[in-house]
């Protein structure tokens, strides 16, 4: 059994997913749940193909540690430093 981090993004009309450790393997779905299910199936097909071709499965190096919330000062966001503010 293999374990991979899956990133799911809101694509506006649907959701998209990818696994950073498995380049080229992507999936979409109308809900997060559908997207995750589709990504699991995509990973199974992708890895099966790799094994059939004699290629080793990718290492699972990516880790999800935490979400990070960042606040940005609007003046700095616009590229204006405190030293040059008008």
PDB file of N, CA and C in Angstrom:
ATOM      1  N   UNK A   1       0.854  -1.176   0.000  1.00  0.00           N
ATOM      2  CA  UNK A   1       0.000   0.000   0.000  1.00  0.00           C
ATOM      3  C   UNK A   1       0.898   1.236   0.000  1.00  0.00           C
ATOM      4  N   UNK A   2       0.484   2.245  -0.741  1.00  0.00           N
ATOM      5  CA  UNK A   2       1.238   3.493  -0.861  1.00  0.00           C
ATOM      6  C   UNK A   2       0.429   4.619  -0.232  1.00  0.00           C
ATOM      7  N   UNK A   3       1.139   5.638   0.260  1.00  0.00           N
ATOM      8  CA  UNK A   3       0.498   6.780   0.913  1.00  0.00           C
ATOM      9  C   UNK A   3       1.044   8.054   0.282  1.00  0.00           C
ATOM     10  N   UNK A   4       0.142   8.896  -0.230  1.00  0.00           N
ATOM     11  CA  UNK A   4       0.555  10.144  -0.866  1.00  0.00           C
ATOM     12  C   UNK A   4      -0.303  11.301  -0.370  1.00  0.00           C
ATOM     13  N   UNK A   5       0.330  12.447  -0.219  1.00  0.00           N
ATOM     14  CA  UNK A   5      -0.385  13.679   0.089  1.00  0.00           C
ATOM     15  C   UNK A   5      -1.149  14.099  -1.156  1.00  0.00           C
ATOM     16  N   UNK A   6      -2.407  14.470  -0.988  1.00  0.00           N
ATOM     17  CA  UNK A   6      -3.231  14.964  -2.095  1.00  0.00           C
ATOM     18  C   UNK A   6      -3.655  16.392  -1.772  1.00  0.00           C
ATOM     19  N   UNK A   7      -3.455  17.288  -2.731  1.00  0.00           N
ATOM     20  CA  UNK A   7      -3.857  18.690  -2.589  1.00  0.00           C
ATOM     21  C   UNK A   7      -5.122  18.897  -3.403  1.00  0.00           C
ATOM     22  N   UNK A   8      -6.146  19.445  -2.776  1.00  0.00           N
ATOM     23  CA  UNK A   8      -7.411  19.727  -3.466  1.00  0.00           C
ATOM     24  C   UNK A   8      -7.601  21.236  -3.494  1.00  0.00           C
ATOM     25  N   UNK A   9      -7.891  21.743  -4.695  1.00  0.00           N
ATOM     26  CA  UNK A   9      -8.075  23.185  -4.877  1.00  0.00           C
ATOM     27  C   UNK A   9      -9.458  23.476  -5.437  1.00  0.00           C
ATOM     28  N   UNK A  10     -10.024  24.591  -5.027  1.00  0.00           N
ATOM     29  CA  UNK A  10     -11.295  25.064  -5.577  1.00  0.00           C
ATOM     30  C   UNK A  10     -11.005  25.666  -6.943  1.00  0.00           C
ATOM     31  N   UNK A  11     -11.580  25.091  -7.990  1.00  0.00           N
ATOM     32  CA  UNK A  11     -11.336  25.552  -9.353  1.00  0.00           C
ATOM     33  C   UNK A  11     -12.500  26.391  -9.888  1.00  0.00           C
ATOM     34  N   UNK A  12     -13.349  26.879  -9.001  1.00  0.00           N
ATOM     35  CA  UNK A  12     -14.465  27.726  -9.415  1.00  0.00           C
ATOM     36  C   UNK A  12     -15.716  26.898  -9.659  1.00  0.00           C
ATOM     37  N   UNK A  13     -15.785  26.251 -10.805  1.00  0.00           N
ATOM     38  CA  UNK A  13     -16.947  25.428 -11.156  1.00  0.00           C
ATOM     39  C   UNK A  13     -16.866  24.020 -10.578  1.00  0.00           C
ATOM     40  N   UNK A  14     -15.670  23.596 -10.184  1.00  0.00           N
ATOM     41  CA  UNK A  14     -15.461  22.265  -9.620  1.00  0.00           C
ATOM     42  C   UNK A  14     -14.224  22.298  -8.721  1.00  0.00           C
ATOM     43  N   UNK A  15     -13.706  21.146  -8.396  1.00  0.00           N
ATOM     44  CA  UNK A  15     -12.489  21.035  -7.599  1.00  0.00           C
ATOM     45  C   UNK A  15     -11.469  20.226  -8.382  1.00  0.00           C
ATOM     46  N   UNK A  16     -10.196  20.510  -8.156  1.00  0.00           N
ATOM     47  CA  UNK A  16      -9.131  19.753  -8.809  1.00  0.00           C
ATOM     48  C   UNK A  16      -8.176  19.239  -7.738  1.00  0.00           C
ATOM     49  N   UNK A  17      -7.488  18.146  -8.064  1.00  0.00           N
ATOM     50  CA  UNK A  17      -6.571  17.540  -7.111  1.00  0.00           C
ATOM     51  C   UNK A  17      -5.311  17.080  -7.814  1.00  0.00           C
ATOM     52  N   UNK A  18      -4.222  17.078  -7.052  1.00  0.00           N
ATOM     53  CA  UNK A  18      -2.962  16.526  -7.536  1.00  0.00           C
ATOM     54  C   UNK A  18      -2.172  16.004  -6.353  1.00  0.00           C
ATOM     55  N   UNK A  19      -1.223  15.134  -6.639  1.00  0.00           N
ATOM     56  CA  UNK A  19      -0.324  14.600  -5.616  1.00  0.00           C
ATOM     57  C   UNK A  19       1.069  15.107  -5.946  1.00  0.00           C
ATOM     58  N   UNK A  20       1.667  15.958  -5.108  1.00  0.00           N
ATOM     59  CA  UNK A  20       2.985  16.518  -5.410  1.00  0.00           C
ATOM     60  C   UNK A  20       4.054  15.471  -5.704  1.00  0.00           C
ATOM     61  N   UNK A  21       3.935  14.299  -5.103  1.00  0.00           N
ATOM     62  CA  UNK A  21       4.939  13.252  -5.308  1.00  0.00           C
ATOM     63  C   UNK A  21       4.704  12.415  -6.563  1.00  0.00           C
ATOM     64  N   UNK A  22       3.554  12.614  -7.213  1.00  0.00           N
ATOM     65  CA  UNK A  22       3.214  11.810  -8.393  1.00  0.00           C
ATOM     66  C   UNK A  22       2.898  12.753  -9.557  1.00  0.00           C
ATOM     67  N   UNK A  23       3.939  13.303 -10.182  1.00  0.00           N
ATOM     68  CA  UNK A  23       3.724  14.259 -11.273  1.00  0.00           C
ATOM     69  C   UNK A  23       2.860  13.668 -12.389  1.00  0.00           C
ATOM     70  N   UNK A  24       1.932  14.496 -12.875  1.00  0.00           N
ATOM     71  CA  UNK A  24       1.086  14.076 -13.986  1.00  0.00           C
ATOM     72  C   UNK A  24      -0.181  13.372 -13.580  1.00  0.00           C
ATOM     73  N   UNK A  25      -0.342  13.093 -12.317  1.00  0.00           N
ATOM     74  CA  UNK A  25      -1.550  12.414 -11.845  1.00  0.00           C
ATOM     75  C   UNK A  25      -2.472  13.461 -11.235  1.00  0.00           C
ATOM     76  N   UNK A  26      -3.607  13.688 -11.898  1.00  0.00           N
ATOM     77  CA  UNK A  26      -4.558  14.704 -11.460  1.00  0.00           C
ATOM     78  C   UNK A  26      -5.978  14.160 -11.557  1.00  0.00           C
ATOM     79  N   UNK A  27      -6.900  14.846 -10.898  1.00  0.00           N
ATOM     80  CA  UNK A  27      -8.313  14.469 -10.967  1.00  0.00           C
ATOM     81  C   UNK A  27      -9.156  15.704 -10.686  1.00  0.00           C
ATOM     82  N   UNK A  28     -10.424  15.619 -11.054  1.00  0.00           N
ATOM     83  CA  UNK A  28     -11.377  16.683 -10.761  1.00  0.00           C
ATOM     84  C   UNK A  28     -12.662  16.055 -10.235  1.00  0.00           C
ATOM     85  N   UNK A  29     -13.536  16.887  -9.691  1.00  0.00           N
ATOM     86  CA  UNK A  29     -14.836  16.436  -9.227  1.00  0.00           C
ATOM     87  C   UNK A  29     -15.709  17.619  -8.889  1.00  0.00           C
ATOM     88  N   UNK A  30     -17.006  17.352  -8.765  1.00  0.00           N
ATOM     89  CA  UNK A  30     -17.941  18.437  -8.480  1.00  0.00           C
ATOM     90  C   UNK A  30     -17.974  18.794  -7.000  1.00  0.00           C
ATOM     91  N   UNK A  31     -17.509  17.884  -6.127  1.00  0.00           N
ATOM     92  CA  UNK A  31     -17.409  18.148  -4.699  1.00  0.00           C
ATOM     93  C   UNK A  31     -16.020  17.716  -4.227  1.00  0.00           C
ATOM     94  N   UNK A  32     -15.648  18.114  -3.028  1.00  0.00           N
ATOM     95  CA  UNK A  32     -14.364  17.687  -2.468  1.00  0.00           C
ATOM     96  C   UNK A  32     -14.335  16.163  -2.345  1.00  0.00           C
ATOM     97  N   UNK A  33     -15.440  15.578  -1.873  1.00  0.00           N
ATOM     98  CA  UNK A  33     -15.516  14.128  -1.731  1.00  0.00           C
ATOM     99  C   UNK A  33     -15.354  13.402  -3.057  1.00  0.00           C
ATOM    100  N   UNK A  34     -16.062  13.883  -4.083  1.00  0.00           N
ATOM    101  CA  UNK A  34     -15.934  13.283  -5.422  1.00  0.00           C
ATOM    102  C   UNK A  34     -14.509  13.413  -5.938  1.00  0.00           C
ATOM    103  N   UNK A  35     -13.912  14.565  -5.705  1.00  0.00           N
ATOM    104  CA  UNK A  35     -12.551  14.817  -6.179  1.00  0.00           C
ATOM    105  C   UNK A  35     -11.563  13.876  -5.496  1.00  0.00           C
ATOM    106  N   UNK A  36     -11.713  13.699  -4.204  1.00  0.00           N
ATOM    107  CA  UNK A  36     -10.827  12.800  -3.469  1.00  0.00           C
ATOM    108  C   UNK A  36     -10.991  11.357  -3.956  1.00  0.00           C
ATOM    109  N   UNK A  37     -12.222  10.927  -4.175  1.00  0.00           N
ATOM    110  CA  UNK A  37     -12.484   9.579  -4.686  1.00  0.00           C
ATOM    111  C   UNK A  37     -11.869   9.414  -6.073  1.00  0.00           C
ATOM    112  N   UNK A  38     -12.062  10.403  -6.941  1.00  0.00           N
ATOM    113  CA  UNK A  38     -11.505  10.348  -8.293  1.00  0.00           C
ATOM    114  C   UNK A  38      -9.978  10.350  -8.269  1.00  0.00           C
ATOM    115  N   UNK A  39      -9.402  11.091  -7.318  1.00  0.00           N
ATOM    116  CA  UNK A  39      -7.944  11.128  -7.209  1.00  0.00           C
ATOM    117  C   UNK A  39      -7.405   9.788  -6.740  1.00  0.00           C
ATOM    118  N   UNK A  40      -8.086   9.149  -5.825  1.00  0.00           N
ATOM    119  CA  UNK A  40      -7.676   7.816  -5.375  1.00  0.00           C
ATOM    120  C   UNK A  40      -7.663   6.846  -6.554  1.00  0.00           C
ATOM    121  N   UNK A  41      -8.711   6.893  -7.375  1.00  0.00           N
ATOM    122  CA  UNK A  41      -8.776   6.029  -8.555  1.00  0.00           C
ATOM    123  C   UNK A  41      -7.678   6.380  -9.555  1.00  0.00           C
ATOM    124  N   UNK A  42      -7.423   7.678  -9.743  1.00  0.00           N
ATOM    125  CA  UNK A  42      -6.373   8.109 -10.669  1.00  0.00           C
ATOM    126  C   UNK A  42      -5.005   7.630 -10.196  1.00  0.00           C
ATOM    127  N   UNK A  43      -4.757   7.708  -8.898  1.00  0.00           N
ATOM    128  CA  UNK A  43      -3.489   7.220  -8.346  1.00  0.00           C
ATOM    129  C   UNK A  43      -3.347   5.715  -8.547  1.00  0.00           C
ATOM    130  N   UNK A  44      -4.419   4.970  -8.349  1.00  0.00           N
ATOM    131  CA  UNK A  44      -4.371   3.519  -8.557  1.00  0.00           C
ATOM    132  C   UNK A  44      -3.998   3.191  -9.998  1.00  0.00           C
ATOM    133  N   UNK A  45      -4.642   3.840 -10.948  1.00  0.00           N
ATOM    134  CA  UNK A  45      -4.358   3.593 -12.365  1.00  0.00           C
ATOM    135  C   UNK A  45      -2.931   4.022 -12.703  1.00  0.00           C
ATOM    136  N   UNK A  46      -2.532   5.182 -12.221  1.00  0.00           N
ATOM    137  CA  UNK A  46      -1.202   5.719 -12.502  1.00  0.00           C
ATOM    138  C   UNK A  46      -0.113   4.791 -11.956  1.00  0.00           C
ATOM    139  N   UNK A  47      -0.255   4.393 -10.700  1.00  0.00           N
ATOM    140  CA  UNK A  47       0.749   3.527 -10.079  1.00  0.00           C
ATOM    141  C   UNK A  47       0.763   2.140 -10.712  1.00  0.00           C
ATOM    142  N   UNK A  48      -0.404   1.609 -11.044  1.00  0.00           N
ATOM    143  CA  UNK A  48      -0.470   0.312 -11.720  1.00  0.00           C
ATOM    144  C   UNK A  48       0.289   0.369 -13.042  1.00  0.00           C
ATOM    145  N   UNK A  49       0.097   1.442 -13.788  1.00  0.00           N
ATOM    146  CA  UNK A  49       0.804   1.624 -15.055  1.00  0.00           C
ATOM    147  C   UNK A  49       2.309   1.703 -14.858  1.00  0.00           C
ATOM    148  N   UNK A  50       2.734   2.428 -13.831  1.00  0.00           N
ATOM    149  CA  UNK A  50       4.167   2.526 -13.546  1.00  0.00           C
ATOM    150  C   UNK A  50       4.754   1.150 -13.239  1.00  0.00           C
ATOM    151  N   UNK A  51       4.071   0.384 -12.392  1.00  0.00           N
ATOM    152  CA  UNK A  51       4.554  -0.939 -12.020  1.00  0.00           C
ATOM    153  C   UNK A  51       4.585  -1.879 -13.225  1.00  0.00           C
ATOM    154  N   UNK A  52       3.562  -1.800 -14.075  1.00  0.00           N
ATOM    155  CA  UNK A  52       3.530  -2.627 -15.287  1.00  0.00           C
ATOM    156  C   UNK A  52       4.671  -2.278 -16.228  1.00  0.00           C
ATOM    157  N   UNK A  53       5.082  -1.010 -16.233  1.00  0.00           N
ATOM    158  CA  UNK A  53       6.202  -0.565 -17.075  1.00  0.00           C
ATOM    159  C   UNK A  53       7.559  -0.844 -16.422  1.00  0.00           C
ATOM    160  N   UNK A  54       7.548  -1.398 -15.205  1.00  0.00           N
ATOM    161  CA  UNK A  54       8.790  -1.691 -14.511  1.00  0.00           C
ATOM    162  C   UNK A  54       9.385  -0.506 -13.767  1.00  0.00           C
ATOM    163  N   UNK A  55       8.603   0.564 -13.639  1.00  0.00           N
ATOM    164  CA  UNK A  55       9.077   1.750 -12.919  1.00  0.00           C
ATOM    165  C   UNK A  55       8.679   1.653 -11.451  1.00  0.00           C
ATOM    166  N   UNK A  56       9.561   2.075 -10.552  1.00  0.00           N
ATOM    167  CA  UNK A  56       9.198   2.049  -9.132  1.00  0.00           C
ATOM    168  C   UNK A  56       8.207   3.169  -8.823  1.00  0.00           C
ATOM    169  N   UNK A  57       7.324   2.962  -7.857  1.00  0.00           N
ATOM    170  CA  UNK A  57       6.414   4.046  -7.464  1.00  0.00           C
ATOM    171  C   UNK A  57       7.210   5.160  -6.807  1.00  0.00           C
ATOM    172  N   UNK A  58       6.755   6.405  -6.945  1.00  0.00           N
ATOM    173  CA  UNK A  58       7.456   7.538  -6.334  1.00  0.00           C
ATOM    174  C   UNK A  58       7.487   7.428  -4.806  1.00  0.00           C
ATOM    175  N   UNK A  59       8.536   7.992  -4.233  1.00  0.00           N
ATOM    176  CA  UNK A  59       8.622   8.089  -2.770  1.00  0.00           C
ATOM    177  C   UNK A  59       7.558   9.085  -2.291  1.00  0.00           C
ATOM    178  N   UNK A  60       7.053   8.855  -1.106  1.00  0.00           N
ATOM    179  CA  UNK A  60       6.048   9.774  -0.545  1.00  0.00           C
ATOM    180  C   UNK A  60       6.744  10.791   0.353  1.00  0.00           C
ATOM    181  N   UNK A  61       7.360  11.791  -0.273  1.00  0.00           N
ATOM    182  CA  UNK A  61       8.142  12.794   0.448  1.00  0.00           C
ATOM    183  C   UNK A  61       7.317  13.979   0.954  1.00  0.00           C
ATOM    184  N   UNK A  62       6.206  14.297   0.305  1.00  0.00           N
ATOM    185  CA  UNK A  62       5.413  15.468   0.691  1.00  0.00           C
ATOM    186  C   UNK A  62       4.706  15.215   2.018  1.00  0.00           C
ATOM    187  N   UNK A  63       4.633  16.238   2.832  1.00  0.00           N
ATOM    188  CA  UNK A  63       3.966  16.143   4.135  1.00  0.00           C
ATOM    189  C   UNK A  63       3.056  17.345   4.334  1.00  0.00           C
ATOM    190  N   UNK A  64       1.884  17.090   4.851  1.00  0.00           N
ATOM    191  CA  UNK A  64       0.993  18.171   5.240  1.00  0.00           C
ATOM    192  C   UNK A  64       1.178  18.379   6.732  1.00  0.00           C
ATOM    193  N   UNK A  65       1.653  19.541   7.102  1.00  0.00           N
ATOM    194  CA  UNK A  65       1.932  19.807   8.501  1.00  0.00           C
ATOM    195  C   UNK A  65       0.827  20.668   9.103  1.00  0.00           C
ATOM    196  N   UNK A  66       0.520  21.789   8.465  1.00  0.00           N
ATOM    197  CA  UNK A  66      -0.481  22.697   9.008  1.00  0.00           C
ATOM    198  C   UNK A  66      -0.870  23.718   7.956  1.00  0.00           C
ATOM    199  N   UNK A  67      -2.005  24.317   8.153  1.00  0.00           N
ATOM    200  CA  UNK A  67      -2.388  25.463   7.345  1.00  0.00           C
ATOM    201  C   UNK A  67      -1.751  26.688   7.976  1.00  0.00           C
ATOM    202  N   UNK A  68      -1.315  27.610   7.157  1.00  0.00           N
ATOM    203  CA  UNK A  68      -0.671  28.822   7.649  1.00  0.00           C
ATOM    204  C   UNK A  68      -1.510  30.018   7.229  1.00  0.00           C
ATOM    205  N   UNK A  69      -1.887  30.837   8.184  1.00  0.00           N
ATOM    206  CA  UNK A  69      -2.638  32.054   7.911  1.00  0.00           C
ATOM    207  C   UNK A  69      -1.666  33.225   7.962  1.00  0.00           C
ATOM    208  N   UNK A  70      -1.672  34.051   6.929  1.00  0.00           N
ATOM    209  CA  UNK A  70      -0.709  35.141   6.815  1.00  0.00           C
ATOM    210  C   UNK A  70      -1.457  36.452   6.635  1.00  0.00           C
ATOM    211  N   UNK A  71      -1.078  37.450   7.421  1.00  0.00           N
ATOM    212  CA  UNK A  71      -1.634  38.790   7.291  1.00  0.00           C
ATOM    213  C   UNK A  71      -0.576  39.670   6.628  1.00  0.00           C
ATOM    214  N   UNK A  72      -0.989  40.469   5.653  1.00  0.00           N
ATOM    215  CA  UNK A  72      -0.054  41.323   4.929  1.00  0.00           C
ATOM    216  C   UNK A  72      -0.518  42.772   5.031  1.00  0.00           C
ATOM    217  N   UNK A  73       0.402  43.659   5.412  1.00  0.00           N
ATOM    218  CA  UNK A  73       0.128  45.089   5.459  1.00  0.00           C
ATOM    219  C   UNK A  73      -0.100  45.560   4.024  1.00  0.00           C
ATOM    220  N   UNK A  74      -1.238  46.210   3.719  1.00  0.00           N
ATOM    221  CA  UNK A  74      -1.522  46.641   2.347  1.00  0.00           C
ATOM    222  C   UNK A  74      -0.418  47.497   1.724  1.00  0.00           C
ATOM    223  N   UNK A  75       0.237  48.354   2.513  1.00  0.00           N
ATOM    224  CA  UNK A  75       1.316  49.190   1.968  1.00  0.00           C
ATOM    225  C   UNK A  75       2.469  48.309   1.510  1.00  0.00           C
ATOM    226  N   UNK A  76       2.808  47.307   2.282  1.00  0.00           N
ATOM    227  CA  UNK A  76       3.888  46.391   1.902  1.00  0.00           C
ATOM    228  C   UNK A  76       3.459  45.518   0.727  1.00  0.00           C
ATOM    229  N   UNK A  77       2.204  45.144   0.695  1.00  0.00           N
ATOM    230  CA  UNK A  77       1.695  44.302  -0.382  1.00  0.00           C
ATOM    231  C   UNK A  77       1.859  45.013  -1.724  1.00  0.00           C
ATOM    232  N   UNK A  78       1.708  46.315  -1.724  1.00  0.00           N
ATOM    233  CA  UNK A  78       1.832  47.086  -2.959  1.00  0.00           C
ATOM    234  C   UNK A  78       3.293  47.371  -3.306  1.00  0.00           C
ATOM    235  N   UNK A  79       4.214  46.880  -2.490  1.00  0.00           N
ATOM    236  CA  UNK A  79       5.620  47.078  -2.771  1.00  0.00           C
ATOM    237  C   UNK A  79       6.203  48.349  -2.181  1.00  0.00           C
ATOM    238  N   UNK A  80       5.491  48.982  -1.267  1.00  0.00           N
ATOM    239  CA  UNK A  80       5.964  50.223  -0.637  1.00  0.00           C
ATOM    240  C   UNK A  80       6.530  49.888   0.727  1.00  0.00           C
ATOM    241  N   UNK A  81       7.788  50.209   0.975  1.00  0.00           N
ATOM    242  CA  UNK A  81       8.387  49.941   2.272  1.00  0.00           C
ATOM    243  C   UNK A  81       8.067  51.091   3.218  1.00  0.00           C
ATOM    244  N   UNK A  82       8.247  50.847   4.513  1.00  0.00           N
ATOM    245  CA  UNK A  82       8.011  51.903   5.516  1.00  0.00           C
ATOM    246  C   UNK A  82       8.921  53.085   5.290  1.00  0.00           C
ATOM    247  N   UNK A  83      10.150  52.846   4.810  1.00  0.00           N
ATOM    248  CA  UNK A  83      11.117  53.920   4.592  1.00  0.00           C
ATOM    249  C   UNK A  83      10.709  54.852   3.448  1.00  0.00           C
ATOM    250  N   UNK A  84       9.919  54.336   2.499  1.00  0.00           N
ATOM    251  CA  UNK A  84       9.573  55.112   1.304  1.00  0.00           C
ATOM    252  C   UNK A  84       8.088  55.479   1.251  1.00  0.00           C
ATOM    253  N   UNK A  85       7.359  55.261   2.328  1.00  0.00           N
ATOM    254  CA  UNK A  85       5.943  55.584   2.311  1.00  0.00           C
ATOM    255  C   UNK A  85       5.767  57.094   2.264  1.00  0.00           C
ATOM    256  N   UNK A  86       4.793  57.536   1.508  1.00  0.00           N
ATOM    257  CA  UNK A  86       4.564  58.984   1.371  1.00  0.00           C
ATOM    258  C   UNK A  86       3.776  59.529   2.516  1.00  0.00           C
TER     259      UNK A  86
END
